[in-house]
Amino acid sequence: MTPSALPTGGGQRSGPADGGATGIVQSTSYSGFTLKTATGVTVTVSDTASTTLTKNNHRTSAKEVKDGTSVLVLGLVDSADITASEVAVQPHGDGGAAAAEKAGVIAFQQGTPSPAKSVGTIPDYTEGEGTVVSGSTADKATQAAQAVVPGGIADRVVKLDDGEYEVHNISINWPHHVFVNKQFKVVGWE
């Protein structure tokens, strides 16, 4: 499903949606690479002819994406697979490890319930409300969320009724929702 074919209401994802992940490159291939997030989630990243590669906000070549490199990947997410629209090399980055620890991200453990806790400002919303967004709006919200609360995979971005965004995380026990304001600043997570 293409981003333009995503549902326009309800906030529920019916197929792949724009999102992303931050991590350390584990291996590379002709068609992409795998990365591991700060919580140990393995993500398969596919490159396309239109994938943009950047380093320090400037275009760079695929040779910069090598084993051990910290990257932010934005693109179409389908479970633990991302078709990259952008790969940002993060020189001297730690794959989000320090930020995940600071935010209190809890790695996924089967059979362990997610805690009922929140940090910061949580909007008055009901899960499932809002509109799934794509493109540059989803990229900005995902990038903001991954900078503060990395470790999982952002598998969709929902614009809430008040104009703010909920970035939905999978593959971690907590947090599942990161809230980003209209200026693309993280304001809370739960």
Protein backbone atom coordinates (compact mmCIF):
# COMPACT_ATOMS: atom_id res chain seq x y z
CA MET A 1 0.00 0.00 0.00
CA THR A 2 1.36 3.39 -0.87
CA PRO A 3 1.29 6.25 1.63
CA SER A 4 -1.38 8.01 -0.41
CA ALA A 5 -3.62 4.95 0.00
CA LEU A 6 -3.54 5.01 3.79
CA PRO A 7 -6.81 5.43 5.63
CA THR A 8 -7.84 9.03 6.19
CA GLY A 9 -9.41 8.58 9.61
CA GLY A 10 -9.45 6.42 12.67
CA GLY A 11 -5.68 6.50 13.22
CA GLN A 12 -5.54 2.76 12.67
CA ARG A 13 -3.00 1.42 10.24
CA SER A 14 -4.24 -1.07 7.68
CA GLY A 15 -0.89 -1.59 5.99
CA PRO A 16 2.60 -0.12 5.81
CA ALA A 17 2.88 3.50 6.95
CA ASP A 18 5.61 6.14 7.19
CA GLY A 19 7.82 5.95 10.27
CA GLY A 20 11.37 4.90 11.08
CA ALA A 21 14.00 3.73 13.54
CA THR A 22 17.39 4.66 14.97
CA GLY A 23 20.18 2.16 15.52
CA ILE A 24 23.59 0.75 14.70
CA VAL A 25 24.23 -0.86 11.30
CA GLN A 26 24.94 -4.58 11.76
CA SER A 27 25.49 -5.67 8.16
CA THR A 28 25.17 -4.26 4.66
CA SER A 29 24.18 -5.73 1.32
CA TYR A 30 23.63 -4.56 -2.23
CA SER A 31 19.98 -3.78 -1.51
CA GLY A 32 20.24 -2.30 1.98
CA PHE A 33 21.33 -3.17 5.50
CA THR A 34 20.22 -4.36 8.91
CA LEU A 35 20.38 -2.26 12.04
CA LYS A 36 19.90 -2.99 15.71
CA THR A 37 18.05 -0.48 17.89
CA ALA A 38 19.15 0.49 21.39
CA THR A 39 16.79 -2.15 22.80
CA GLY A 40 18.08 -4.93 20.53
CA VAL A 41 15.38 -4.90 17.84
CA THR A 42 16.72 -5.99 14.44
CA VAL A 43 15.39 -3.91 11.54
CA THR A 44 15.84 -4.76 7.85
CA VAL A 45 16.29 -1.65 5.71
CA SER A 46 15.84 -1.68 1.93
CA ASP A 47 17.30 1.07 -0.24
CA THR A 48 15.67 2.26 -3.44
CA ALA A 49 16.91 4.46 -6.27
CA SER A 50 15.21 7.40 -4.56
CA THR A 51 16.63 6.85 -1.06
CA THR A 52 18.41 9.99 0.16
CA LEU A 53 21.60 9.47 2.19
CA THR A 54 22.77 12.32 4.41
CA LYS A 55 25.56 13.03 6.87
CA ASN A 56 25.67 16.31 8.82
CA ASN A 57 22.63 17.48 6.78
CA HIS A 58 24.50 17.08 3.47
CA ARG A 59 24.05 14.40 0.85
CA THR A 60 26.52 11.56 1.07
CA SER A 61 27.18 8.19 -0.57
CA ALA A 62 26.21 4.67 0.44
CA LYS A 63 29.82 3.99 1.50
CA GLU A 64 29.09 6.01 4.68
CA VAL A 65 26.58 3.35 5.75
CA LYS A 66 28.80 0.57 7.09
CA ASP A 67 28.92 -1.84 10.00
CA GLY A 68 29.00 -0.02 13.34
CA THR A 69 27.55 3.25 11.98
CA SER A 70 24.73 5.00 13.87
CA VAL A 71 21.82 5.88 11.58
CA LEU A 72 18.30 7.26 11.58
CA VAL A 73 16.13 5.62 8.93
CA LEU A 74 12.88 7.20 7.72
CA GLY A 75 10.55 5.50 5.30
CA LEU A 76 7.71 3.06 4.76
CA VAL A 77 7.50 0.68 7.74
CA ASP A 78 6.04 -2.81 7.51
CA SER A 79 6.65 -4.57 10.84
CA ALA A 80 10.46 -4.77 11.26
CA ASP A 81 11.15 -3.87 7.61
CA ILE A 82 11.67 -0.32 6.37
CA THR A 83 11.85 0.79 2.75
CA ALA A 84 14.05 3.83 3.29
CA SER A 85 13.23 7.24 1.86
CA GLU A 86 16.06 8.76 3.93
CA VAL A 87 19.04 7.40 5.82
CA ALA A 88 20.82 9.93 8.05
CA VAL A 89 24.30 8.89 9.16
CA GLN A 90 24.91 10.06 12.73
CA PRO A 91 28.67 10.56 13.18
CA HIS A 92 29.83 9.56 16.64
CA GLY A 93 26.27 8.42 17.43
CA ASP A 94 25.42 5.55 19.74
CA GLY A 95 22.31 4.30 17.92
CA GLY A 96 20.09 6.04 20.43
CA ALA A 97 21.39 4.11 23.46
CA ALA A 98 21.89 7.12 25.76
CA ALA A 99 18.57 8.74 24.80
CA ALA A 100 16.67 5.44 25.24
CA GLU A 101 18.19 4.99 28.69
CA LYS A 102 17.42 8.59 29.68
CA ALA A 103 13.80 8.24 28.46
CA GLY A 104 13.34 4.95 30.32
CA VAL A 105 12.54 2.88 27.23
CA ILE A 106 11.77 -0.73 28.18
CA ALA A 107 12.89 -3.44 25.75
CA PHE A 108 10.31 -5.99 24.64
CA GLN A 109 10.04 -9.08 26.83
CA GLN A 110 7.39 -11.61 25.88
CA GLY A 111 4.86 -12.14 28.66
CA THR A 112 5.82 -8.92 30.44
CA PRO A 113 2.99 -6.39 30.54
CA SER A 114 3.68 -2.80 29.58
CA PRO A 115 3.70 -0.43 32.54
CA ALA A 116 0.91 2.12 32.86
CA LYS A 117 3.00 5.25 33.22
CA SER A 118 3.49 8.51 31.39
CA VAL A 119 6.12 11.23 31.11
CA GLY A 120 5.48 14.88 30.19
CA THR A 121 2.28 16.18 28.64
CA ILE A 122 -0.18 13.61 27.34
CA PRO A 123 -3.01 15.03 25.21
CA ASP A 124 -6.64 14.26 25.87
CA TYR A 125 -7.20 11.68 23.16
CA THR A 126 -8.59 8.22 22.62
CA GLU A 127 -6.29 5.69 21.00
CA GLY A 128 -7.41 5.09 17.42
CA GLU A 129 -8.58 8.66 16.85
CA GLY A 130 -6.89 10.96 14.37
CA THR A 131 -5.56 10.68 10.85
CA VAL A 132 -2.52 8.71 9.70
CA VAL A 133 -0.08 11.13 8.03
CA SER A 134 2.73 10.48 5.58
CA GLY A 135 5.57 12.22 3.78
CA SER A 136 7.53 15.09 5.29
CA THR A 137 5.07 15.56 8.16
CA ALA A 138 5.47 11.94 9.27
CA ASP A 139 9.25 12.20 8.78
CA LYS A 140 9.53 15.31 11.00
CA ALA A 141 7.41 13.77 13.77
CA THR A 142 9.31 10.46 13.58
CA GLN A 143 12.69 12.20 13.62
CA ALA A 144 11.69 14.22 16.70
CA ALA A 145 10.37 11.13 18.50
CA GLN A 146 13.43 9.02 17.64
CA ALA A 147 15.77 11.73 18.93
CA VAL A 148 14.18 11.70 22.39
CA VAL A 149 12.65 8.21 22.73
CA PRO A 150 14.50 5.76 20.44
CA GLY A 151 14.67 1.99 20.83
CA GLY A 152 11.53 0.85 19.06
CA ILE A 153 10.23 1.15 15.54
CA ALA A 154 7.88 4.06 14.79
CA ASP A 155 5.35 2.30 12.57
CA ARG A 156 2.91 5.17 12.01
CA VAL A 157 2.28 8.83 12.79
CA VAL A 158 -1.21 10.04 13.62
CA LYS A 159 -2.32 13.67 13.54
CA LEU A 160 -4.59 14.24 16.53
CA ASP A 161 -7.66 16.47 16.55
CA ASP A 162 -5.71 19.27 18.31
CA GLY A 163 -3.10 19.33 15.51
CA GLU A 164 -0.39 17.54 17.51
CA TYR A 165 1.00 14.11 16.58
CA GLU A 166 1.18 10.68 18.14
CA VAL A 167 4.12 8.58 16.97
CA HIS A 168 3.31 4.91 17.55
CA ASN A 169 6.15 2.60 18.66
CA ILE A 170 6.27 -1.16 18.25
CA SER A 171 8.77 -3.84 19.30
CA ILE A 172 9.25 -2.39 22.80
CA ASN A 173 7.28 -2.82 26.02
CA TRP A 174 7.23 0.92 26.78
CA PRO A 175 6.51 3.61 25.59
CA HIS A 176 4.10 2.90 22.77
CA HIS A 177 3.02 6.50 22.17
CA VAL A 178 5.27 9.52 21.78
CA PHE A 179 3.51 12.89 21.52
CA VAL A 180 4.96 15.62 19.33
CA ASN A 181 3.56 19.15 19.19
CA LYS A 182 2.85 21.27 16.10
CA GLN A 183 6.43 22.58 16.18
CA PHE A 184 7.73 18.97 16.08
CA LYS A 185 9.00 18.96 19.67
CA VAL A 186 8.42 15.92 21.88
CA VAL A 187 6.10 16.84 24.76
CA GLY A 188 5.42 13.45 26.38
CA TRP A 189 5.25 9.68 26.09
CA GLU A 190 3.29 6.76 27.53
